[in-house]
PDB file of all heavy atoms in Angstrom:
ATOM      1  N   SER A   1      41.859  -0.670  10.722  1.00  0.00           N
ATOM      2  CA  SER A   1      41.193   0.137   9.656  1.00  0.00           C
ATOM      3  C   SER A   1      40.323  -0.757   8.741  1.00  0.00           C
ATOM      4  O   SER A   1      39.458  -0.255   7.976  1.00  0.00           O
ATOM      5  CB  SER A   1      42.258   0.806   8.755  1.00  0.00           C
ATOM      6  OG  SER A   1      43.154  -0.262   8.239  1.00  0.00           O
ATOM      7  N   PHE A   2      40.477  -2.063   8.871  1.00  0.00           N
ATOM      8  CA  PHE A   2      39.653  -2.997   8.136  1.00  0.00           C
ATOM      9  C   PHE A   2      38.422  -3.529   8.837  1.00  0.00           C
ATOM     10  O   PHE A   2      37.581  -4.257   8.323  1.00  0.00           O
ATOM     11  CB  PHE A   2      40.511  -4.287   7.728  1.00  0.00           C
ATOM     12  CG  PHE A   2      41.433  -4.066   6.650  1.00  0.00           C
ATOM     13  CD1 PHE A   2      42.774  -3.631   6.936  1.00  0.00           C
ATOM     14  CD2 PHE A   2      41.110  -4.179   5.289  1.00  0.00           C
ATOM     15  CE1 PHE A   2      43.676  -3.351   5.862  1.00  0.00           C
ATOM     16  CE2 PHE A   2      42.062  -3.982   4.231  1.00  0.00           C
ATOM     17  CZ  PHE A   2      43.328  -3.506   4.593  1.00  0.00           C
ATOM     18  N   SER A   3      38.239  -3.162  10.152  1.00  0.00           N
ATOM     19  CA  SER A   3      36.981  -3.486  10.977  1.00  0.00           C
ATOM     20  C   SER A   3      35.786  -3.095  10.376  1.00  0.00           C
ATOM     21  O   SER A   3      34.800  -3.983  10.390  1.00  0.00           O
ATOM     22  CB  SER A   3      37.168  -2.988  12.343  1.00  0.00           C
ATOM     23  OG  SER A   3      38.274  -3.618  13.016  1.00  0.00           O
ATOM     24  N   PRO A   4      35.647  -1.817   9.722  1.00  0.00           N
ATOM     25  CA  PRO A   4      34.339  -1.450   9.029  1.00  0.00           C
ATOM     26  C   PRO A   4      33.926  -2.486   7.903  1.00  0.00           C
ATOM     27  O   PRO A   4      32.835  -2.603   7.580  1.00  0.00           O
ATOM     28  CB  PRO A   4      34.653  -0.036   8.565  1.00  0.00           C
ATOM     29  CG  PRO A   4      35.643   0.463   9.486  1.00  0.00           C
ATOM     30  CD  PRO A   4      36.540  -0.755   9.839  1.00  0.00           C
ATOM     31  N   VAL A   5      35.016  -3.045   7.272  1.00  0.00           N
ATOM     32  CA  VAL A   5      34.711  -3.953   6.120  1.00  0.00           C
ATOM     33  C   VAL A   5      33.963  -5.208   6.762  1.00  0.00           C
ATOM     34  O   VAL A   5      33.007  -5.634   6.094  1.00  0.00           O
ATOM     35  CB  VAL A   5      36.152  -4.425   5.500  1.00  0.00           C
ATOM     36  CG1 VAL A   5      35.772  -5.508   4.470  1.00  0.00           C
ATOM     37  CG2 VAL A   5      36.752  -3.119   4.870  1.00  0.00           C
ATOM     38  N   VAL A   6      34.411  -5.741   7.881  1.00  0.00           N
ATOM     39  CA  VAL A   6      33.770  -6.872   8.494  1.00  0.00           C
ATOM     40  C   VAL A   6      32.318  -6.553   8.927  1.00  0.00           C
ATOM     41  O   VAL A   6      31.446  -7.330   8.691  1.00  0.00           O
ATOM     42  CB  VAL A   6      34.621  -7.277   9.699  1.00  0.00           C
ATOM     43  CG1 VAL A   6      33.890  -8.487  10.413  1.00  0.00           C
ATOM     44  CG2 VAL A   6      36.026  -7.785   9.298  1.00  0.00           C
ATOM     45  N   MET A   7      32.246  -5.351   9.444  1.00  0.00           N
ATOM     46  CA  MET A   7      30.867  -4.884   9.937  1.00  0.00           C
ATOM     47  C   MET A   7      30.022  -4.733   8.690  1.00  0.00           C
ATOM     48  O   MET A   7      28.823  -5.129   8.664  1.00  0.00           O
ATOM     49  CB  MET A   7      30.896  -3.522  10.596  1.00  0.00           C
ATOM     50  CG  MET A   7      29.635  -3.009  11.249  1.00  0.00           C
ATOM     51  SD  MET A   7      29.061  -3.956  12.623  1.00  0.00           S
ATOM     52  CE  MET A   7      30.094  -3.205  13.906  1.00  0.00           C
ATOM     53  N   PHE A   8      30.462  -4.186   7.611  1.00  0.00           N
ATOM     54  CA  PHE A   8      29.638  -4.062   6.374  1.00  0.00           C
ATOM     55  C   PHE A   8      29.317  -5.370   5.783  1.00  0.00           C
ATOM     56  O   PHE A   8      28.246  -5.652   5.466  1.00  0.00           O
ATOM     57  CB  PHE A   8      30.468  -3.215   5.268  1.00  0.00           C
ATOM     58  CG  PHE A   8      29.847  -3.273   3.941  1.00  0.00           C
ATOM     59  CD1 PHE A   8      28.715  -2.379   3.747  1.00  0.00           C
ATOM     60  CD2 PHE A   8      30.357  -3.967   2.906  1.00  0.00           C
ATOM     61  CE1 PHE A   8      28.207  -2.411   2.393  1.00  0.00           C
ATOM     62  CE2 PHE A   8      29.800  -4.048   1.703  1.00  0.00           C
ATOM     63  CZ  PHE A   8      28.649  -3.273   1.431  1.00  0.00           C
ATOM     64  N   GLY A   9      30.327  -6.368   5.809  1.00  0.00           N
ATOM     65  CA  GLY A   9      29.994  -7.707   5.231  1.00  0.00           C
ATOM     66  C   GLY A   9      28.919  -8.360   6.073  1.00  0.00           C
ATOM     67  O   GLY A   9      28.025  -9.042   5.382  1.00  0.00           O
ATOM     68  N   GLY A  10      28.889  -8.309   7.401  1.00  0.00           N
ATOM     69  CA  GLY A  10      27.861  -8.887   8.208  1.00  0.00           C
ATOM     70  C   GLY A  10      26.497  -8.260   7.992  1.00  0.00           C
ATOM     71  O   GLY A  10      25.495  -8.977   7.759  1.00  0.00           O
ATOM     72  N   VAL A  11      26.550  -6.854   7.824  1.00  0.00           N
ATOM     73  CA  VAL A  11      25.184  -6.282   7.562  1.00  0.00           C
ATOM     74  C   VAL A  11      24.691  -6.691   6.243  1.00  0.00           C
ATOM     75  O   VAL A  11      23.468  -7.025   6.022  1.00  0.00           O
ATOM     76  CB  VAL A  11      25.323  -4.766   7.643  1.00  0.00           C
ATOM     77  CG1 VAL A  11      24.023  -4.021   7.187  1.00  0.00           C
ATOM     78  CG2 VAL A  11      25.595  -4.366   9.143  1.00  0.00           C
ATOM     79  N   LEU A  12      25.477  -6.702   5.219  1.00  0.00           N
ATOM     80  CA  LEU A  12      25.165  -7.110   3.864  1.00  0.00           C
ATOM     81  C   LEU A  12      24.678  -8.603   3.808  1.00  0.00           C
ATOM     82  O   LEU A  12      23.582  -8.990   3.140  1.00  0.00           O
ATOM     83  CB  LEU A  12      26.393  -6.846   2.847  1.00  0.00           C
ATOM     84  CG  LEU A  12      26.177  -7.239   1.373  1.00  0.00           C
ATOM     85  CD1 LEU A  12      25.107  -6.501   0.828  1.00  0.00           C
ATOM     86  CD2 LEU A  12      27.414  -7.236   0.675  1.00  0.00           C
ATOM     87  N   MET A  13      25.389  -9.454   4.656  1.00  0.00           N
ATOM     88  CA  MET A  13      24.962 -10.902   4.523  1.00  0.00           C
ATOM     89  C   MET A  13      23.612 -11.026   5.141  1.00  0.00           C
ATOM     90  O   MET A  13      22.716 -11.668   4.578  1.00  0.00           O
ATOM     91  CB  MET A  13      25.906 -11.587   5.465  1.00  0.00           C
ATOM     92  CG  MET A  13      25.742 -13.017   5.509  1.00  0.00           C
ATOM     93  SD  MET A  13      26.926 -13.915   6.587  1.00  0.00           S
ATOM     94  CE  MET A  13      28.440 -13.532   5.776  1.00  0.00           C
ATOM     95  N   GLY A  14      23.281 -10.357   6.385  1.00  0.00           N
ATOM     96  CA  GLY A  14      21.996 -10.410   6.986  1.00  0.00           C
ATOM     97  C   GLY A  14      20.837  -9.869   5.949  1.00  0.00           C
ATOM     98  O   GLY A  14      19.887 -10.471   5.861  1.00  0.00           O
ATOM     99  N   GLY A  15      21.250  -8.730   5.349  1.00  0.00           N
ATOM    100  CA  GLY A  15      20.226  -8.209   4.429  1.00  0.00           C
ATOM    101  C   GLY A  15      19.875  -8.982   3.308  1.00  0.00           C
ATOM    102  O   GLY A  15      18.724  -9.022   2.938  1.00  0.00           O
ATOM    103  N   CYS A  16      20.859  -9.547   2.737  1.00  0.00           N
ATOM    104  CA  CYS A  16      20.649 -10.381   1.454  1.00  0.00           C
ATOM    105  C   CYS A  16      20.028 -11.681   1.763  1.00  0.00           C
ATOM    106  O   CYS A  16      19.076 -12.114   1.048  1.00  0.00           O
ATOM    107  CB  CYS A  16      22.037 -10.651   0.812  1.00  0.00           C
ATOM    108  SG  CYS A  16      22.680  -9.262  -0.103  1.00  0.00           S
ATOM    109  N   PHE A  17      20.300 -12.234   2.939  1.00  0.00           N
ATOM    110  CA  PHE A  17      19.608 -13.479   3.383  1.00  0.00           C
ATOM    111  C   PHE A  17      18.091 -13.155   3.645  1.00  0.00           C
ATOM    112  O   PHE A  17      17.262 -13.907   3.176  1.00  0.00           O
ATOM    113  CB  PHE A  17      20.272 -14.148   4.571  1.00  0.00           C
ATOM    114  CG  PHE A  17      19.714 -15.372   5.011  1.00  0.00           C
ATOM    115  CD1 PHE A  17      19.912 -16.568   4.298  1.00  0.00           C
ATOM    116  CD2 PHE A  17      18.855 -15.515   6.076  1.00  0.00           C
ATOM    117  CE1 PHE A  17      19.430 -17.735   4.608  1.00  0.00           C
ATOM    118  CE2 PHE A  17      18.226 -16.611   6.435  1.00  0.00           C
ATOM    119  CZ  PHE A  17      18.501 -17.875   5.750  1.00  0.00           C
ATOM    120  N   ALA A  18      17.888 -12.058   4.365  1.00  0.00           N
ATOM    121  CA  ALA A  18      16.412 -11.733   4.661  1.00  0.00           C
ATOM    122  C   ALA A  18      15.709 -11.431   3.333  1.00  0.00           C
ATOM    123  O   ALA A  18      14.600 -11.875   3.203  1.00  0.00           O
ATOM    124  CB  ALA A  18      16.336 -10.445   5.512  1.00  0.00           C
ATOM    125  N   ALA A  19      16.403 -10.811   2.440  1.00  0.00           N
ATOM    126  CA  ALA A  19      15.705 -10.544   1.068  1.00  0.00           C
ATOM    127  C   ALA A  19      15.398 -11.864   0.349  1.00  0.00           C
ATOM    128  O   ALA A  19      14.371 -11.956  -0.257  1.00  0.00           O
ATOM    129  CB  ALA A  19      16.605  -9.556   0.238  1.00  0.00           C
ATOM    130  N   ALA A  20      16.289 -12.728   0.414  1.00  0.00           N
ATOM    131  CA  ALA A  20      16.143 -14.032  -0.397  1.00  0.00           C
ATOM    132  C   ALA A  20      14.970 -14.808   0.323  1.00  0.00           C
ATOM    133  O   ALA A  20      14.146 -15.421  -0.540  1.00  0.00           O
ATOM    134  CB  ALA A  20      17.476 -14.918  -0.198  1.00  0.00           C
ATOM    135  N   VAL A  21      14.854 -14.881   1.607  1.00  0.00           N
ATOM    136  CA  VAL A  21      13.767 -15.489   2.346  1.00  0.00           C
ATOM    137  C   VAL A  21      12.472 -14.819   1.967  1.00  0.00           C
ATOM    138  O   VAL A  21      11.427 -15.459   1.594  1.00  0.00           O
ATOM    139  CB  VAL A  21      13.967 -15.609   3.745  1.00  0.00           C
ATOM    140  CG1 VAL A  21      12.696 -16.147   4.427  1.00  0.00           C
ATOM    141  CG2 VAL A  21      15.228 -16.451   4.107  1.00  0.00           C
ATOM    142  N   PHE A  22      12.426 -13.475   2.040  1.00  0.00           N
ATOM    143  CA  PHE A  22      11.151 -12.824   1.712  1.00  0.00           C
ATOM    144  C   PHE A  22      10.722 -13.088   0.187  1.00  0.00           C
ATOM    145  O   PHE A  22       9.504 -13.170  -0.057  1.00  0.00           O
ATOM    146  CB  PHE A  22      11.344 -11.287   1.874  1.00  0.00           C
ATOM    147  CG  PHE A  22      10.312 -10.408   1.382  1.00  0.00           C
ATOM    148  CD1 PHE A  22       9.040 -10.183   2.154  1.00  0.00           C
ATOM    149  CD2 PHE A  22      10.396  -9.775   0.153  1.00  0.00           C
ATOM    150  CE1 PHE A  22       8.087  -9.541   1.761  1.00  0.00           C
ATOM    151  CE2 PHE A  22       9.294  -8.979  -0.254  1.00  0.00           C
ATOM    152  CZ  PHE A  22       8.135  -8.789   0.396  1.00  0.00           C
ATOM    153  N   ILE A  23      11.660 -12.947  -0.733  1.00  0.00           N
ATOM    154  CA  ILE A  23      11.303 -13.224  -2.086  1.00  0.00           C
ATOM    155  C   ILE A  23      10.694 -14.546  -2.232  1.00  0.00           C
ATOM    156  O   ILE A  23       9.699 -14.731  -3.017  1.00  0.00           O
ATOM    157  CB  ILE A  23      12.562 -12.981  -3.032  1.00  0.00           C
ATOM    158  CG1 ILE A  23      12.881 -11.584  -3.094  1.00  0.00           C
ATOM    159  CG2 ILE A  23      12.379 -13.631  -4.397  1.00  0.00           C
ATOM    160  CD1 ILE A  23      14.279 -11.238  -3.759  1.00  0.00           C
ATOM    161  N   ALA A  24      11.331 -15.569  -1.691  1.00  0.00           N
ATOM    162  CA  ALA A  24      10.753 -16.968  -1.899  1.00  0.00           C
ATOM    163  C   ALA A  24       9.466 -17.099  -1.326  1.00  0.00           C
ATOM    164  O   ALA A  24       8.544 -17.681  -1.900  1.00  0.00           O
ATOM    165  CB  ALA A  24      11.860 -17.924  -1.227  1.00  0.00           C
ATOM    166  N   PHE A  25       9.252 -16.508  -0.070  1.00  0.00           N
ATOM    167  CA  PHE A  25       7.874 -16.716   0.578  1.00  0.00           C
ATOM    168  C   PHE A  25       6.879 -15.958  -0.188  1.00  0.00           C
ATOM    169  O   PHE A  25       5.694 -16.393  -0.296  1.00  0.00           O
ATOM    170  CB  PHE A  25       7.934 -16.278   1.973  1.00  0.00           C
ATOM    171  CG  PHE A  25       8.313 -17.469   2.932  1.00  0.00           C
ATOM    172  CD1 PHE A  25       9.660 -17.647   3.256  1.00  0.00           C
ATOM    173  CD2 PHE A  25       7.470 -18.226   3.474  1.00  0.00           C
ATOM    174  CE1 PHE A  25      10.026 -18.685   4.111  1.00  0.00           C
ATOM    175  CE2 PHE A  25       7.712 -19.294   4.313  1.00  0.00           C
ATOM    176  CZ  PHE A  25       9.069 -19.578   4.609  1.00  0.00           C
ATOM    177  N   PHE A  26       7.178 -14.700  -0.643  1.00  0.00           N
ATOM    178  CA  PHE A  26       6.231 -13.988  -1.351  1.00  0.00           C
ATOM    179  C   PHE A  26       5.781 -14.526  -2.645  1.00  0.00           C
ATOM    180  O   PHE A  26       4.585 -14.678  -2.873  1.00  0.00           O
ATOM    181  CB  PHE A  26       6.876 -12.504  -1.677  1.00  0.00           C
ATOM    182  CG  PHE A  26       6.035 -11.519  -2.413  1.00  0.00           C
ATOM    183  CD1 PHE A  26       5.184 -10.756  -1.672  1.00  0.00           C
ATOM    184  CD2 PHE A  26       5.858 -11.592  -3.849  1.00  0.00           C
ATOM    185  CE1 PHE A  26       4.299  -9.879  -2.364  1.00  0.00           C
ATOM    186  CE2 PHE A  26       4.985 -10.727  -4.518  1.00  0.00           C
ATOM    187  CZ  PHE A  26       4.290  -9.852  -3.737  1.00  0.00           C
ATOM    188  N   ASP A  27       6.776 -15.148  -3.386  1.00  0.00           N
ATOM    189  CA  ASP A  27       6.374 -15.828  -4.632  1.00  0.00           C
ATOM    190  C   ASP A  27       5.554 -17.099  -4.375  1.00  0.00           C
ATOM    191  O   ASP A  27       4.684 -17.417  -5.192  1.00  0.00           O
ATOM    192  CB  ASP A  27       7.601 -16.153  -5.489  1.00  0.00           C
ATOM    193  CG  ASP A  27       7.989 -15.025  -6.294  1.00  0.00           C
ATOM    194  OD1 ASP A  27       7.742 -13.768  -5.983  1.00  0.00           O
ATOM    195  OD2 ASP A  27       8.529 -15.254  -7.422  1.00  0.00           O
ATOM    196  N   MET A  28       5.858 -17.865  -3.342  1.00  0.00           N
ATOM    197  CA  MET A  28       5.098 -19.118  -3.103  1.00  0.00           C
ATOM    198  C   MET A  28       3.763 -18.809  -2.564  1.00  0.00           C
ATOM    199  O   MET A  28       2.883 -19.685  -2.841  1.00  0.00           O
ATOM    200  CB  MET A  28       6.033 -19.943  -2.241  1.00  0.00           C
ATOM    201  CG  MET A  28       7.243 -20.545  -2.892  1.00  0.00           C
ATOM    202  SD  MET A  28       8.072 -21.867  -1.821  1.00  0.00           S
ATOM    203  CE  MET A  28       8.659 -20.822  -0.469  1.00  0.00           C
ATOM    204  N   TRP A  29       3.537 -17.926  -1.662  1.00  0.00           N
ATOM    205  CA  TRP A  29       2.300 -17.892  -0.942  1.00  0.00           C
ATOM    206  C   TRP A  29       1.515 -16.630  -1.110  1.00  0.00           C
ATOM    207  O   TRP A  29       0.325 -16.549  -0.663  1.00  0.00           O
ATOM    208  CB  TRP A  29       2.681 -17.996   0.560  1.00  0.00           C
ATOM    209  CG  TRP A  29       3.302 -19.152   0.959  1.00  0.00           C
ATOM    210  CD1 TRP A  29       4.632 -19.376   1.346  1.00  0.00           C
ATOM    211  CD2 TRP A  29       2.800 -20.482   1.045  1.00  0.00           C
ATOM    212  NE1 TRP A  29       4.964 -20.747   1.457  1.00  0.00           N
ATOM    213  CE2 TRP A  29       3.848 -21.364   1.316  1.00  0.00           C
ATOM    214  CE3 TRP A  29       1.565 -21.098   0.596  1.00  0.00           C
ATOM    215  CZ2 TRP A  29       3.681 -22.780   1.376  1.00  0.00           C
ATOM    216  CZ3 TRP A  29       1.297 -22.444   0.766  1.00  0.00           C
ATOM    217  CH2 TRP A  29       2.331 -23.226   1.076  1.00  0.00           C
ATOM    218  N   ILE A  30       2.009 -15.597  -1.859  1.00  0.00           N
ATOM    219  CA  ILE A  30       1.283 -14.368  -2.010  1.00  0.00           C
ATOM    220  C   ILE A  30       1.063 -14.112  -3.474  1.00  0.00           C
ATOM    221  O   ILE A  30      -0.064 -13.799  -3.941  1.00  0.00           O
ATOM    222  CB  ILE A  30       1.979 -13.131  -1.279  1.00  0.00           C
ATOM    223  CG1 ILE A  30       2.147 -13.363   0.143  1.00  0.00           C
ATOM    224  CG2 ILE A  30       1.350 -11.785  -1.779  1.00  0.00           C
ATOM    225  CD1 ILE A  30       2.897 -12.209   0.841  1.00  0.00           C
ATOM    226  N   ARG A  31       2.107 -14.178  -4.196  1.00  0.00           N
ATOM    227  CA  ARG A  31       2.037 -13.955  -5.728  1.00  0.00           C
ATOM    228  C   ARG A  31       1.048 -15.027  -6.390  1.00  0.00           C
ATOM    229  O   ARG A  31       1.309 -16.205  -6.135  1.00  0.00           O
ATOM    230  CB  ARG A  31       3.366 -13.929  -6.343  1.00  0.00           C
ATOM    231  CG  ARG A  31       3.368 -13.472  -7.781  1.00  0.00           C
ATOM    232  CD  ARG A  31       4.759 -13.572  -8.424  1.00  0.00           C
ATOM    233  NE  ARG A  31       5.725 -12.827  -7.874  1.00  0.00           N
ATOM    234  CZ  ARG A  31       5.999 -11.550  -8.063  1.00  0.00           C
ATOM    235  NH1 ARG A  31       5.179 -10.796  -8.945  1.00  0.00           N
ATOM    236  NH2 ARG A  31       7.026 -10.931  -7.419  1.00  0.00           N
ATOM    237  N   LYS A  32       0.165 -14.614  -7.251  1.00  0.00           N
ATOM    238  CA  LYS A  32      -0.691 -15.515  -7.944  1.00  0.00           C
ATOM    239  C   LYS A  32      -0.021 -16.078  -9.158  1.00  0.00           C
ATOM    240  O   LYS A  32       0.654 -15.322  -9.906  1.00  0.00           O
ATOM    241  CB  LYS A  32      -2.009 -14.822  -8.318  1.00  0.00           C
ATOM    242  CG  LYS A  32      -2.798 -14.256  -7.127  1.00  0.00           C
ATOM    243  CD  LYS A  32      -3.347 -15.357  -6.228  1.00  0.00           C
ATOM    244  CE  LYS A  32      -4.183 -14.728  -5.160  1.00  0.00           C
ATOM    245  NZ  LYS A  32      -4.650 -15.803  -4.262  1.00  0.00           N
ATOM    246  N   PRO A  33       0.046 -17.365  -9.432  1.00  0.00           N
ATOM    247  CA  PRO A  33       0.689 -17.890 -10.671  1.00  0.00           C
ATOM    248  C   PRO A  33      -0.131 -17.477 -11.849  1.00  0.00           C
ATOM    249  O   PRO A  33      -1.381 -17.369 -11.768  1.00  0.00           O
ATOM    250  CB  PRO A  33       0.554 -19.426 -10.466  1.00  0.00           C
ATOM    251  CG  PRO A  33      -0.486 -19.670  -9.425  1.00  0.00           C
ATOM    252  CD  PRO A  33      -0.597 -18.443  -8.555  1.00  0.00           C
ATOM    253  N   LYS A  34       0.667 -17.239 -12.942  1.00  0.00           N
ATOM    254  CA  LYS A  34      -0.031 -16.796 -14.158  1.00  0.00           C
ATOM    255  C   LYS A  34      -0.818 -18.001 -14.741  1.00  0.00           C
ATOM    256  O   LYS A  34      -0.293 -19.127 -14.762  1.00  0.00           O
ATOM    257  CB  LYS A  34       1.041 -16.463 -15.145  1.00  0.00           C
ATOM    258  CG  LYS A  34       1.655 -15.050 -14.826  1.00  0.00           C
ATOM    259  CD  LYS A  34       2.708 -14.641 -15.878  1.00  0.00           C
ATOM    260  CE  LYS A  34       3.258 -13.293 -15.403  1.00  0.00           C
ATOM    261  NZ  LYS A  34       4.280 -12.817 -16.549  1.00  0.00           N
TER     262      LYS A  34
END
């Protein structure tokens, strides 16, 4: 009954890591500094 928790944790981990990398690259190479 706890297996879906592990699956959810893995999906959440991958999504948050991908979002962190995207945010960093967007701000460094696309966003114009004020």
